[in-house]
C-alpha atoms as a PDB file:
ATOM      1  CA  MET A   1      26.346  -8.204 -81.027  1.00  0.00           C
ATOM      2  CA  LEU A   2      29.350  -6.106 -82.007  1.00  0.00           C
ATOM      3  CA  GLU A   3      31.095  -4.000 -79.375  1.00  0.00           C
ATOM      4  CA  PHE A   4      33.429  -1.049 -79.920  1.00  0.00           C
ATOM      5  CA  ALA A   5      35.609   1.163 -77.781  1.00  0.00           C
ATOM      6  CA  SER A   6      33.693   4.286 -78.764  1.00  0.00           C
ATOM      7  CA  GLU A   7      30.820   5.502 -80.906  1.00  0.00           C
ATOM      8  CA  GLN A   8      33.307   6.963 -83.379  1.00  0.00           C
ATOM      9  CA  ALA A   9      35.098   3.641 -83.660  1.00  0.00           C
ATOM     10  CA  ALA A  10      31.771   1.912 -84.255  1.00  0.00           C
ATOM     11  CA  TYR A  11      30.771   4.449 -86.885  1.00  0.00           C
ATOM     12  CA  ASP A  12      34.068   4.195 -88.731  1.00  0.00           C
ATOM     13  CA  ALA A  13      33.880   0.393 -88.710  1.00  0.00           C
ATOM     14  CA  PHE A  14      30.299   0.317 -90.027  1.00  0.00           C
ATOM     15  CA  VAL A  15      31.008   2.774 -92.832  1.00  0.00           C
ATOM     16  CA  GLU A  16      34.035   0.727 -93.839  1.00  0.00           C
ATOM     17  CA  ARG A  17      32.491  -2.744 -93.547  1.00  0.00           C
ATOM     18  CA  PHE A  18      28.719  -2.446 -94.017  1.00  0.00           C
ATOM     19  CA  SER A  19      28.035   0.749 -95.953  1.00  0.00           C
ATOM     20  CA  ASP A  20      27.298   1.433 -99.619  1.00  0.00           C
ATOM     21  CA  GLY A  21      29.900   4.191 -99.501  1.00  0.00           C
ATOM     22  CA  LEU A  22      27.607   6.710 -97.830  1.00  0.00           C
ATOM     23  CA  PRO A  23      27.204   7.474 -94.116  1.00  0.00           C
ATOM     24  CA  VAL A  24      25.009   5.069 -92.152  1.00  0.00           C
ATOM     25  CA  VAL A  25      22.928   5.210 -88.999  1.00  0.00           C
ATOM     26  CA  LEU A  26      24.443   2.974 -86.332  1.00  0.00           C
ATOM     27  CA  PRO A  27      22.081   0.031 -85.688  1.00  0.00           C
ATOM     28  CA  THR A  28      22.075   0.131 -81.903  1.00  0.00           C
ATOM     29  CA  PRO A  29      19.864  -2.396 -80.063  1.00  0.00           C
ATOM     30  CA  GLU A  30      17.423   0.403 -79.239  1.00  0.00           C
ATOM     31  CA  ARG A  31      17.087   1.533 -82.858  1.00  0.00           C
ATOM     32  CA  VAL A  32      16.670  -2.017 -84.138  1.00  0.00           C
ATOM     33  CA  ALA A  33      14.020  -2.677 -81.469  1.00  0.00           C
ATOM     34  CA  ARG A  34      12.069   0.404 -82.591  1.00  0.00           C
ATOM     35  CA  MET A  35      12.208  -0.830 -86.178  1.00  0.00           C
ATOM     36  CA  LEU A  36      10.987  -4.297 -85.188  1.00  0.00           C
ATOM     37  CA  ALA A  37       8.153  -2.784 -83.158  1.00  0.00           C
ATOM     38  CA  ALA A  38       6.591  -1.670 -86.451  1.00  0.00           C
ATOM     39  CA  THR A  39       5.723  -5.267 -87.341  1.00  0.00           C
ATOM     40  CA  THR A  40       4.095  -8.264 -85.688  1.00  0.00           C
ATOM     41  CA  ASP A  41       6.558 -10.519 -87.508  1.00  0.00           C
ATOM     42  CA  ASP A  42       8.805 -12.848 -85.540  1.00  0.00           C
ATOM     43  CA  PRO A  43      12.290 -11.256 -85.738  1.00  0.00           C
ATOM     44  CA  ALA A  44      13.720 -14.705 -86.422  1.00  0.00           C
ATOM     45  CA  ARG A  45      11.401 -15.418 -89.374  1.00  0.00           C
ATOM     46  CA  ALA A  46      13.347 -16.191 -92.535  1.00  0.00           C
ATOM     47  CA  LEU A  47      12.428 -13.958 -95.466  1.00  0.00           C
ATOM     48  CA  GLY A  48      14.524 -15.935 -97.913  1.00  0.00           C
ATOM     49  CA  ALA A  49      18.016 -16.736 -99.106  1.00  0.00           C
ATOM     50  CA  VAL A  50      20.084 -13.827-100.405  1.00  0.00           C
ATOM     51  CA  PHE A  51      22.423 -14.721-103.227  1.00  0.00           C
ATOM     52  CA  PRO A  52      25.214 -14.989-104.163  1.00  0.00           C
ATOM     53  CA  SER A  53      26.153 -15.887-100.579  1.00  0.00           C
ATOM     54  CA  GLY A  54      22.965 -17.906-100.031  1.00  0.00           C
ATOM     55  CA  SER A  55      22.724 -16.577 -96.474  1.00  0.00           C
ATOM     56  CA  VAL A  56      19.213 -16.438 -95.022  1.00  0.00           C
ATOM     57  CA  CYS A  57      17.836 -12.987 -94.316  1.00  0.00           C
ATOM     58  CA  THR A  58      15.653 -12.780 -91.221  1.00  0.00           C
ATOM     59  CA  VAL A  59      13.258 -10.027 -90.243  1.00  0.00           C
ATOM     60  CA  ARG A  60      15.880  -8.862 -87.733  1.00  0.00           C
ATOM     61  CA  ASP A  61      18.539  -8.707 -90.464  1.00  0.00           C
ATOM     62  CA  ALA A  62      16.178  -6.565 -92.522  1.00  0.00           C
ATOM     63  CA  ALA A  63      15.599  -4.288 -89.521  1.00  0.00           C
ATOM     64  CA  VAL A  64      19.326  -3.818 -88.938  1.00  0.00           C
ATOM     65  CA  ASN A  65      19.915  -2.793 -92.536  1.00  0.00           C
ATOM     66  CA  ALA A  66      16.796  -0.592 -92.548  1.00  0.00           C
ATOM     67  CA  VAL A  67      18.198   1.332 -89.584  1.00  0.00           C
ATOM     68  CA  MET A  68      21.545   1.752 -91.345  1.00  0.00           C
ATOM     69  CA  ALA A  69      19.747   3.023 -94.458  1.00  0.00           C
ATOM     70  CA  GLY A  70      18.043   5.779 -92.469  1.00  0.00           C
ATOM     71  CA  ALA A  71      14.553   4.300 -92.765  1.00  0.00           C
ATOM     72  CA  GLU A  72      11.768   5.024 -90.309  1.00  0.00           C
ATOM     73  CA  PRO A  73       9.780   2.215 -88.651  1.00  0.00           C
ATOM     74  CA  ARG A  74       6.683   3.178 -90.666  1.00  0.00           C
ATOM     75  CA  GLN A  75       8.551   2.133 -93.824  1.00  0.00           C
ATOM     76  CA  PHE A  76       9.612  -1.279 -92.542  1.00  0.00           C
ATOM     77  CA  ARG A  77       6.620  -3.279 -93.839  1.00  0.00           C
ATOM     78  CA  LEU A  78       7.321  -2.068 -97.364  1.00  0.00           C
ATOM     79  CA  ILE A  79      10.996  -2.995 -97.031  1.00  0.00           C
ATOM     80  CA  VAL A  80      10.064  -6.511 -95.927  1.00  0.00           C
ATOM     81  CA  ALA A  81       7.591  -6.890 -98.817  1.00  0.00           C
ATOM     82  CA  ALA A  82      10.195  -5.701-101.329  1.00  0.00           C
ATOM     83  CA  LEU A  83      12.736  -8.166 -99.968  1.00  0.00           C
ATOM     84  CA  GLU A  84      10.303 -11.078-100.119  1.00  0.00           C
ATOM     85  CA  ALA A  85       9.604 -10.235-103.776  1.00  0.00           C
ATOM     86  CA  LEU A  86      13.337  -9.970-104.412  1.00  0.00           C
ATOM     87  CA  PHE A  87      13.948 -13.437-102.960  1.00  0.00           C
ATOM     88  CA  GLU A  88      11.470 -15.152-105.319  1.00  0.00           C
ATOM     89  CA  GLU A  89      13.330 -17.660-107.487  1.00  0.00           C
ATOM     90  CA  SER A  90      11.908 -16.176-110.683  1.00  0.00           C
ATOM     91  CA  PHE A  91      13.475 -12.792-109.893  1.00  0.00           C
ATOM     92  CA  ASN A  92      16.914 -14.422-110.217  1.00  0.00           C
ATOM     93  CA  LEU A  93      18.666 -12.369-107.551  1.00  0.00           C
ATOM     94  CA  ASN A  94      21.867 -14.366-107.992  1.00  0.00           C
ATOM     95  CA  GLY A  95      22.038 -13.231-111.602  1.00  0.00           C
ATOM     96  CA  VAL A  96      21.155  -9.634-110.764  1.00  0.00           C
ATOM     97  CA  GLN A  97      23.879  -9.542-108.118  1.00  0.00           C
ATOM     98  CA  SER A  98      26.637 -11.020-110.272  1.00  0.00           C
ATOM     99  CA  THR A  99      25.956  -9.846-113.834  1.00  0.00           C
ATOM    100  CA  THR A 100      28.316  -7.520-115.694  1.00  0.00           C
ATOM    101  CA  HIS A 101      25.175  -5.558-116.635  1.00  0.00           C
ATOM    102  CA  CYS A 102      24.040  -2.575-114.536  1.00  0.00           C
ATOM    103  CA  ALA A 103      20.857  -4.325-113.317  1.00  0.00           C
ATOM    104  CA  THR A 104      19.384  -3.109-110.040  1.00  0.00           C
ATOM    105  CA  PRO A 105      15.985  -3.531-108.347  1.00  0.00           C
ATOM    106  CA  LEU A 106      13.369  -0.938-109.267  1.00  0.00           C
ATOM    107  CA  ILE A 107      10.731  -0.825-106.524  1.00  0.00           C
ATOM    108  CA  ILE A 108       7.279   0.611-107.290  1.00  0.00           C
ATOM    109  CA  VAL A 109       4.841   0.997-104.385  1.00  0.00           C
ATOM    110  CA  SER A 110       1.194   1.528-105.341  1.00  0.00           C
ATOM    111  CA  GLY A 111      -1.428   2.104-102.686  1.00  0.00           C
ATOM    112  CA  PRO A 112      -2.167   3.937 -99.424  1.00  0.00           C
ATOM    113  CA  LEU A 113       0.622   2.309 -97.412  1.00  0.00           C
ATOM    114  CA  ALA A 114       3.107   4.228 -99.555  1.00  0.00           C
ATOM    115  CA  PHE A 115       1.812   7.524 -98.232  1.00  0.00           C
ATOM    116  CA  GLU A 116       1.385   6.285 -94.674  1.00  0.00           C
ATOM    117  CA  ALA A 117       5.102   5.482 -94.936  1.00  0.00           C
ATOM    118  CA  GLY A 118       5.868   9.044 -96.064  1.00  0.00           C
ATOM    119  CA  MET A 119       6.750   8.165 -99.648  1.00  0.00           C
ATOM    120  CA  ASN A 120       6.755  10.740-102.428  1.00  0.00           C
ATOM    121  CA  ALA A 121       4.975  10.203-105.742  1.00  0.00           C
ATOM    122  CA  GLY A 122       5.111  13.766-107.039  1.00  0.00           C
ATOM    123  CA  ASN A 123       7.794  16.250-108.054  1.00  0.00           C
ATOM    124  CA  GLY A 124      11.284  14.758-108.076  1.00  0.00           C
ATOM    125  CA  VAL A 125       9.953  11.254-107.420  1.00  0.00           C
ATOM    126  CA  LEU A 126      13.098   9.690-108.898  1.00  0.00           C
ATOM    127  CA  GLY A 127      15.484  12.226-107.425  1.00  0.00           C
ATOM    128  CA  ASN A 128      17.033  13.567-104.282  1.00  0.00           C
ATOM    129  CA  GLY A 129      15.311  14.843-101.155  1.00  0.00           C
ATOM    130  CA  GLN A 130      12.904  11.906-100.851  1.00  0.00           C
ATOM    131  CA  ARG A 131      13.809  10.268 -97.534  1.00  0.00           C
ATOM    132  CA  ALA A 132      11.292   7.434 -97.591  1.00  0.00           C
ATOM    133  CA  ASN A 133      11.833   6.521-101.246  1.00  0.00           C
ATOM    134  CA  LEU A 134      15.607   6.568-100.926  1.00  0.00           C
ATOM    135  CA  SER A 135      15.704   4.797 -97.554  1.00  0.00           C
ATOM    136  CA  ILE A 136      13.467   1.924 -98.669  1.00  0.00           C
ATOM    137  CA  GLY A 137      15.521   1.324-101.798  1.00  0.00           C
ATOM    138  CA  ARG A 138      18.774   1.731 -99.901  1.00  0.00           C
ATOM    139  CA  ALA A 139      17.706  -0.745 -97.198  1.00  0.00           C
ATOM    140  CA  VAL A 140      17.076  -3.355 -99.899  1.00  0.00           C
ATOM    141  CA  ARG A 141      20.492  -2.664-101.419  1.00  0.00           C
ATOM    142  CA  LEU A 142      22.250  -2.946 -98.045  1.00  0.00           C
ATOM    143  CA  VAL A 143      20.628  -6.356 -97.484  1.00  0.00           C
ATOM    144  CA  MET A 144      21.843  -7.398-100.943  1.00  0.00           C
ATOM    145  CA  THR A 145      25.366  -6.371 -99.950  1.00  0.00           C
ATOM    146  CA  ASN A 146      25.623  -7.230 -96.266  1.00  0.00           C
ATOM    147  CA  VAL A 147      23.564 -10.451 -96.213  1.00  0.00           C
ATOM    148  CA  GLY A 148      23.853 -11.483 -99.852  1.00  0.00           C
ATOM    149  CA  GLY A 149      27.506 -10.648-100.340  1.00  0.00           C
ATOM    150  CA  GLY A 150      26.918  -8.527-103.443  1.00  0.00           C
ATOM    151  CA  VAL A 151      30.178  -6.591-103.165  1.00  0.00           C
ATOM    152  CA  PRO A 152      31.290  -4.476-106.164  1.00  0.00           C
ATOM    153  CA  GLY A 153      34.393  -5.872-107.819  1.00  0.00           C
ATOM    154  CA  GLN A 154      34.174  -9.164-105.893  1.00  0.00           C
ATOM    155  CA  THR A 155      30.821 -10.802-106.604  1.00  0.00           C
ATOM    156  CA  ASP A 156      29.010  -7.811-108.129  1.00  0.00           C
ATOM    157  CA  MET A 157      30.780  -7.670-111.505  1.00  0.00           C
ATOM    158  CA  SER A 158      28.810  -4.802-113.067  1.00  0.00           C
ATOM    159  CA  VAL A 159      31.209  -3.105-115.483  1.00  0.00           C
ATOM    160  CA  GLN A 160      30.117   0.439-114.659  1.00  0.00           C
ATOM    161  CA  GLY A 161      27.138   0.126-112.343  1.00  0.00           C
ATOM    162  CA  GLN A 162      24.667   3.003-112.206  1.00  0.00           C
ATOM    163  CA  PRO A 163      23.539   5.547-109.566  1.00  0.00           C
ATOM    164  CA  ALA A 164      20.263   3.650-109.105  1.00  0.00           C
ATOM    165  CA  LYS A 165      22.267   0.788-107.582  1.00  0.00           C
ATOM    166  CA  ILE A 166      22.191   2.817-104.355  1.00  0.00           C
ATOM    167  CA  SER A 167      18.409   3.223-104.367  1.00  0.00           C
ATOM    168  CA  PHE A 168      15.671   2.998-107.022  1.00  0.00           C
ATOM    169  CA  CYS A 169      12.270   3.272-105.364  1.00  0.00           C
ATOM    170  CA  ILE A 170       9.121   5.275-106.127  1.00  0.00           C
ATOM    171  CA  ALA A 171       5.483   5.549-105.112  1.00  0.00           C
ATOM    172  CA  GLU A 172       2.661   5.778-107.642  1.00  0.00           C
ATOM    173  CA  ARG A 173       0.269   8.728-107.736  1.00  0.00           C
ATOM    174  CA  LEU A 174      -3.256   7.743-106.682  1.00  0.00           C
ATOM    175  CA  ASP A 175      -4.854  11.149-107.294  1.00  0.00           C
ATOM    176  CA  VAL A 176      -4.491  11.287-111.092  1.00  0.00           C
ATOM    177  CA  ASP A 177      -7.867  10.649-112.696  1.00  0.00           C
ATOM    178  CA  ALA A 178      -6.610   8.570-115.599  1.00  0.00           C
ATOM    179  CA  TRP A 179      -7.070   4.860-114.859  1.00  0.00           C
ATOM    180  CA  PRO A 180      -6.985   2.451-111.920  1.00  0.00           C
ATOM    181  CA  PRO A 181      -3.674   2.358-110.033  1.00  0.00           C
ATOM    182  CA  LEU A 182      -1.153  -0.411-110.519  1.00  0.00           C
ATOM    183  CA  VAL A 183      -2.204  -2.256-107.343  1.00  0.00           C
ATOM    184  CA  GLU A 184      -5.761  -2.724-108.641  1.00  0.00           C
ATOM    185  CA  ARG A 185      -4.497  -3.850-112.053  1.00  0.00           C
ATOM    186  CA  GLN A 186      -2.405  -6.457-110.202  1.00  0.00           C
ATOM    187  CA  GLY A 187      -5.504  -7.880-108.508  1.00  0.00           C
ATOM    188  CA  GLY A 188      -5.423  -5.855-105.300  1.00  0.00           C
ATOM    189  CA  ARG A 189      -8.567  -4.432-103.717  1.00  0.00           C
ATOM    190  CA  LEU A 190      -9.393  -0.892-102.632  1.00  0.00           C
ATOM    191  CA  GLY A 191      -7.182   0.038 -99.675  1.00  0.00           C
ATOM    192  CA  GLU A 192      -4.503  -2.538-100.454  1.00  0.00           C
ATOM    193  CA  THR A 193      -0.950  -1.755-101.520  1.00  0.00           C
ATOM    194  CA  SER A 194       1.354  -3.543-103.935  1.00  0.00           C
ATOM    195  CA  VAL A 195       5.144  -3.599-103.913  1.00  0.00           C
ATOM    196  CA  THR A 196       6.589  -4.415-107.343  1.00  0.00           C
ATOM    197  CA  VAL A 197      10.242  -5.256-107.981  1.00  0.00           C
ATOM    198  CA  MET A 198      11.868  -5.340-111.429  1.00  0.00           C
ATOM    199  CA  ALA A 199      15.533  -5.864-112.352  1.00  0.00           C
ATOM    200  CA  ALA A 200      16.113  -2.518-114.018  1.00  0.00           C
ATOM    201  CA  ASP A 201      18.450  -0.948-116.502  1.00  0.00           C
ATOM    202  CA  ALA A 202      19.294   2.760-116.164  1.00  0.00           C
ATOM    203  CA  PRO A 203      16.231   5.019-116.586  1.00  0.00           C
ATOM    204  CA  ILE A 204      15.644   7.019-119.780  1.00  0.00           C
ATOM    205  CA  CYS A 205      13.879  10.396-119.642  1.00  0.00           C
ATOM    206  CA  VAL A 206      11.307  11.061-122.385  1.00  0.00           C
ATOM    207  CA  ALA A 207      10.467  14.761-122.821  1.00  0.00           C
ATOM    208  CA  ASP A 208       7.328  15.632-124.797  1.00  0.00           C
ATOM    209  CA  HIS A 209       5.480  18.885-124.075  1.00  0.00           C
ATOM    210  CA  ARG A 210       3.530  19.233-127.317  1.00  0.00           C
ATOM    211  CA  SER A 211       1.774  15.957-128.112  1.00  0.00           C
ATOM    212  CA  ALA A 212      -1.966  16.232-127.587  1.00  0.00           C
ATOM    213  CA  ALA A 213      -2.785  12.760-128.937  1.00  0.00           C
ATOM    214  CA  PRO A 214      -1.652   9.433-127.459  1.00  0.00           C
ATOM    215  CA  GLN A 215      -0.436   8.119-130.810  1.00  0.00           C
ATOM    216  CA  ARG A 216       2.212  10.826-131.240  1.00  0.00           C
ATOM    217  CA  LEU A 217       3.193  10.816-127.584  1.00  0.00           C
ATOM    218  CA  LEU A 218       3.599   7.054-127.420  1.00  0.00           C
ATOM    219  CA  ARG A 219       5.553   6.895-130.667  1.00  0.00           C
ATOM    220  CA  ASN A 220       8.127   9.094-128.956  1.00  0.00           C
ATOM    221  CA  VAL A 221       8.073   6.779-125.948  1.00  0.00           C
ATOM    222  CA  ALA A 222       8.513   3.795-128.273  1.00  0.00           C
ATOM    223  CA  ASP A 223      11.601   5.401-129.831  1.00  0.00           C
ATOM    224  CA  ALA A 224      13.187   5.652-126.386  1.00  0.00           C
ATOM    225  CA  MET A 225      12.280   2.054-125.626  1.00  0.00           C
ATOM    226  CA  ARG A 226      13.834   0.522-128.726  1.00  0.00           C
ATOM    227  CA  HIS A 227      17.308   2.048-128.600  1.00  0.00           C
ATOM    228  CA  LEU A 228      20.059  -0.481-129.344  1.00  0.00           C
ATOM    229  CA  GLY A 229      21.981   0.313-126.171  1.00  0.00           C
ATOM    230  CA  SER A 230      19.438  -1.665-124.164  1.00  0.00           C
ATOM    231  CA  MET A 231      19.597  -5.450-123.902  1.00  0.00           C
ATOM    232  CA  SER A 232      15.816  -5.446-124.409  1.00  0.00           C
ATOM    233  CA  ALA A 233      16.376  -4.387-128.012  1.00  0.00           C
ATOM    234  CA  ALA A 234      17.327  -7.930-128.951  1.00  0.00           C
ATOM    235  CA  ARG A 235      16.008  -9.919-125.956  1.00  0.00           C
ATOM    236  CA  PRO A 236      12.405  -8.896-125.222  1.00  0.00           C
ATOM    237  CA  THR A 237      11.193  -9.645-121.722  1.00  0.00           C
ATOM    238  CA  GLN A 238       9.695  -6.824-119.662  1.00  0.00           C
ATOM    239  CA  MET A 239       9.936  -3.077-119.197  1.00  0.00           C
ATOM    240  CA  ALA A 240       8.516  -0.288-117.031  1.00  0.00           C
ATOM    241  CA  LEU A 241       6.992   3.031-118.045  1.00  0.00           C
ATOM    242  CA  ILE A 242       6.646   5.727-115.408  1.00  0.00           C
ATOM    243  CA  LEU A 243       4.208   8.155-116.986  1.00  0.00           C
ATOM    244  CA  ALA A 244       4.051  11.772-115.897  1.00  0.00           C
ATOM    245  CA  PRO A 245       0.502  12.837-114.949  1.00  0.00           C
ATOM    246  CA  GLN A 246       0.397  15.148-117.996  1.00  0.00           C
ATOM    247  CA  HIS A 247       1.172  12.240-120.314  1.00  0.00           C
ATOM    248  CA  ALA A 248      -1.256   9.904-118.548  1.00  0.00           C
ATOM    249  CA  ARG A 249      -4.029  12.493-118.994  1.00  0.00           C
ATOM    250  CA  VAL A 250      -3.239  12.831-122.725  1.00  0.00           C
ATOM    251  CA  CYS A 251      -3.940   9.124-123.083  1.00  0.00           C
ATOM    252  CA  ALA A 252      -6.937   8.988-120.760  1.00  0.00           C
ATOM    253  CA  SER A 253      -8.655  12.028-122.288  1.00  0.00           C
ATOM    254  CA  ALA A 254      -8.582  10.227-125.633  1.00  0.00           C
ATOM    255  CA  GLY A 255     -10.315   7.250-124.057  1.00  0.00           C
ATOM    256  CA  TRP A 256      -7.207   5.103-123.817  1.00  0.00           C
ATOM    257  CA  GLY A 257      -6.799   2.791-120.845  1.00  0.00           C
ATOM    258  CA  VAL A 258      -3.583   1.146-119.706  1.00  0.00           C
ATOM    259  CA  GLU A 259      -4.300  -1.843-121.937  1.00  0.00           C
ATOM    260  CA  GLU A 260      -4.401   0.378-125.036  1.00  0.00           C
ATOM    261  CA  VAL A 261      -1.122   1.999-124.009  1.00  0.00           C
ATOM    262  CA  GLN A 262       0.493  -1.400-123.523  1.00  0.00           C
ATOM    263  CA  ARG A 263      -0.776  -2.747-126.847  1.00  0.00           C
ATOM    264  CA  PHE A 264       0.278   0.356-128.797  1.00  0.00           C
ATOM    265  CA  LEU A 265       3.804   0.288-127.374  1.00  0.00           C
ATOM    266  CA  PHE A 266       4.056  -3.467-127.897  1.00  0.00           C
ATOM    267  CA  GLU A 267       3.383  -2.910-131.603  1.00  0.00           C
ATOM    268  CA  HIS A 268       5.518   0.231-132.041  1.00  0.00           C
ATOM    269  CA  ALA A 269       8.482  -0.337-129.721  1.00  0.00           C
ATOM    270  CA  ARG A 270      10.101  -2.819-132.091  1.00  0.00           C
ATOM    271  CA  ASN A 271      13.331  -3.160-134.039  1.00  0.00           C
ATOM    272  CA  PRO A 272      13.506  -4.573-137.574  1.00  0.00           C
ATOM    273  CA  LEU A 273      15.976  -7.393-138.044  1.00  0.00           C
ATOM    274  CA  TRP A 274      18.090  -5.282-140.393  1.00  0.00           C
ATOM    275  CA  ARG A 275      18.567  -2.700-137.618  1.00  0.00           C
ATOM    276  CA  LEU A 276      19.681  -5.385-135.184  1.00  0.00           C
ATOM    277  CA  ARG A 277      22.042  -6.747-137.824  1.00  0.00           C
ATOM    278  CA  ASP A 278      23.530  -3.351-138.658  1.00  0.00           C
ATOM    279  CA  GLY A 279      23.899  -2.522-134.964  1.00  0.00           C
ATOM    280  CA  GLY A 280      25.710  -5.748-134.145  1.00  0.00           C
ATOM    281  CA  GLU A 281      22.785  -7.123-132.131  1.00  0.00           C
ATOM    282  CA  TYR A 282      21.934 -10.003-134.485  1.00  0.00           C
ATOM    283  CA  ASP A 283      22.900 -13.427-133.169  1.00  0.00           C
ATOM    284  CA  PRO A 284      22.826 -15.937-136.062  1.00  0.00           C
ATOM    285  CA  VAL A 285      21.371 -18.673-133.844  1.00  0.00           C
ATOM    286  CA  LYS A 286      19.288 -16.928-131.168  1.00  0.00           C
ATOM    287  CA  THR A 287      17.817 -14.032-133.175  1.00  0.00           C
ATOM    288  CA  PRO A 288      16.075 -16.085-135.925  1.00  0.00           C
ATOM    289  CA  LYS A 289      14.621 -18.415-133.312  1.00  0.00           C
ATOM    290  CA  LEU A 290      13.275 -15.444-131.371  1.00  0.00           C
ATOM    291  CA  ALA A 291      12.050 -13.703-134.524  1.00  0.00           C
ATOM    292  CA  ALA A 292      10.013 -16.772-135.486  1.00  0.00           C
ATOM    293  CA  GLU A 293       7.764 -16.090-132.483  1.00  0.00           C
ATOM    294  CA  TYR A 294       6.676 -12.778-134.042  1.00  0.00           C
ATOM    295  CA  GLY A 295       6.896 -13.286-137.808  1.00  0.00           C
ATOM    296  CA  ASP A 296       9.090 -14.461-140.670  1.00  0.00           C
ATOM    297  CA  PRO A 297      12.714 -14.732-139.463  1.00  0.00           C
ATOM    298  CA  ASP A 298      13.948 -14.498-143.065  1.00  0.00           C
ATOM    299  CA  ASP A 299      12.310 -11.101-143.600  1.00  0.00           C
ATOM    300  CA  LEU A 300      14.801  -8.444-142.518  1.00  0.00           C
ATOM    301  CA  ASP A 301      11.958  -5.913-142.244  1.00  0.00           C
ATOM    302  CA  MET A 302      10.231  -8.080-139.627  1.00  0.00           C
ATOM    303  CA  ARG A 303      10.266  -6.260-136.283  1.00  0.00           C
ATOM    304  CA  ILE A 304      10.973  -7.759-132.834  1.00  0.00           C
ATOM    305  CA  PRO A 305       9.292  -6.106-129.827  1.00  0.00           C
ATOM    306  CA  VAL A 306      11.361  -4.871-126.879  1.00  0.00           C
ATOM    307  CA  PHE A 307       9.030  -6.508-124.346  1.00  0.00           C
ATOM    308  CA  ALA A 308       7.579  -9.951-124.831  1.00  0.00           C
ATOM    309  CA  SER A 309       3.844  -9.200-124.606  1.00  0.00           C
ATOM    310  CA  PRO A 310       1.656  -6.171-123.772  1.00  0.00           C
ATOM    311  CA  GLU A 311       1.128  -7.195-120.141  1.00  0.00           C
ATOM    312  CA  ARG A 312       4.894  -7.410-119.595  1.00  0.00           C
ATOM    313  CA  LEU A 313       5.010  -3.605-119.645  1.00  0.00           C
ATOM    314  CA  VAL A 314       4.545  -2.257-116.103  1.00  0.00           C
ATOM    315  CA  VAL A 315       2.805   1.136-116.278  1.00  0.00           C
ATOM    316  CA  ALA A 316       2.697   3.493-113.290  1.00  0.00           C
ATOM    317  CA  VAL A 317       1.853   7.186-112.954  1.00  0.00           C
ATOM    318  CA  ALA A 318       4.227   9.367-110.934  1.00  0.00           C
ATOM    319  CA  GLY A 319       5.812  12.802-110.920  1.00  0.00           C
ATOM    320  CA  GLY A 320       4.684  16.423-110.748  1.00  0.00           C
ATOM    321  CA  ASP A 321       1.896  18.079-112.713  1.00  0.00           C
ATOM    322  CA  SER A 322       3.932  20.812-114.358  1.00  0.00           C
ATOM    323  CA  GLY A 323       5.606  19.172-117.345  1.00  0.00           C
ATOM    324  CA  GLY A 324       5.756  16.427-119.944  1.00  0.00           C
ATOM    325  CA  PHE A 325       8.584  14.280-118.633  1.00  0.00           C
ATOM    326  CA  SER A 326       8.090  10.521-118.399  1.00  0.00           C
ATOM    327  CA  THR A 327      10.611   7.740-117.780  1.00  0.00           C
ATOM    328  CA  VAL A 328      11.264   4.495-119.612  1.00  0.00           C
ATOM    329  CA  VAL A 329      13.009   1.783-117.587  1.00  0.00           C
ATOM    330  CA  PRO A 330      14.324  -1.159-119.630  1.00  0.00           C
ATOM    331  CA  ALA A 331      14.849  -4.415-117.772  1.00  0.00           C
ATOM    332  CA  TRP A 332      17.609  -6.966-117.455  1.00  0.00           C
ATOM    333  CA  PRO A 333      16.304  -9.870-119.582  1.00  0.00           C
ATOM    334  CA  ALA A 334      17.189 -12.762-117.261  1.00  0.00           C
ATOM    335  CA  SER A 335      14.769 -11.774-114.502  1.00  0.00           C
ATOM    336  CA  VAL A 336      10.993 -11.743-114.017  1.00  0.00           C
ATOM    337  CA  THR A 337       9.122  -8.887-112.316  1.00  0.00           C
ATOM    338  CA  VAL A 338       7.561  -9.905-108.986  1.00  0.00           C
ATOM    339  CA  HIS A 339       5.007  -8.138-106.798  1.00  0.00           C
ATOM    340  CA  ARG A 340       3.486  -8.520-103.350  1.00  0.00           C
ATOM    341  CA  VAL A 341       0.063  -7.217-102.257  1.00  0.00           C
ATOM    342  CA  LEU A 342      -0.354  -5.966 -98.684  1.00  0.00           C
ATOM    343  CA  ALA A 343      -3.584  -5.323 -96.822  1.00  0.00           C
ATOM    344  CA  ARG A 344      -3.873  -1.954 -95.130  1.00  0.00           C
ATOM    345  CA  GLU A 345      -2.647  -3.339 -91.819  1.00  0.00           C
ATOM    346  CA  GLY A 346       0.393  -4.841 -93.539  1.00  0.00           C
ATOM    347  CA  VAL A 347      -0.731  -8.472 -93.545  1.00  0.00           C
ATOM    348  CA  PRO A 348      -0.328 -10.229 -96.928  1.00  0.00           C
ATOM    349  CA  ALA A 349      -3.678 -10.138 -98.715  1.00  0.00           C
END
């Protein structure tokens, strides 16, 4: 327990020592207790080790950082689920925290718990004014910094970073009559909620207001996916596509399900070897070995996909109904997307 001479002294100390650069809510014992009251978890339960420090994050640690992030108690179960996904070995949090890349966790919440927590899935879903979305993502980031020691310029060596390093968290629309929501495609049942975490590159907006057929629309999406500025261009692993409802309906009205979208983009979001060579992305040892998995490595017209297989593309529907703006989110290649499924009452399914 930290003690200070005054509230102002406490506030100044917390902003200096434990903040992400923005104001924080002081985690008084009363506020932390209210956060912990939202769960039946033992406050001392270990959620996992947070690298690079390797310190163990407890439920109480998560609650303290959730308070500082401005989260409400009704959002705490989603924060805990996101952290548990983050701490999976396959996610490679140590690498995400220390890379010179701009990788940051993208959190996608799909299911009714998102809306019980006050999350937004509509207009401005990726932007400002979304308290629940921003607070959940920010709480995860504060744990990464305060428990995991991911301090910019010290252990976090990202060359430029990105704004999403503060918070990158969305909810999926459940009211768009296109295809089953992400949670059901991940094996969840009706009424359950999934929390998906991916080590994300900076998002790319794809504007298309005219395409009335999925083929034309998705070719434009594929062009955004395969740009050479992304590490995925030469190292296919995974990727996320946040489809606007308008774009999802273009695909669904043509009879396309998510699987067709994934397969089409897997085939079209590819770079020929000559393009990688001309763009300086051709490694004489690694690229031919990788290319051999998809075709003839000696054929410079052979194309390498930007994600490793159709199912490695995470597709979610979010945003407002009034325009054709979707978002492509490339991934940092040295991490694997992880998700958790929660029952309605917040107990792991």
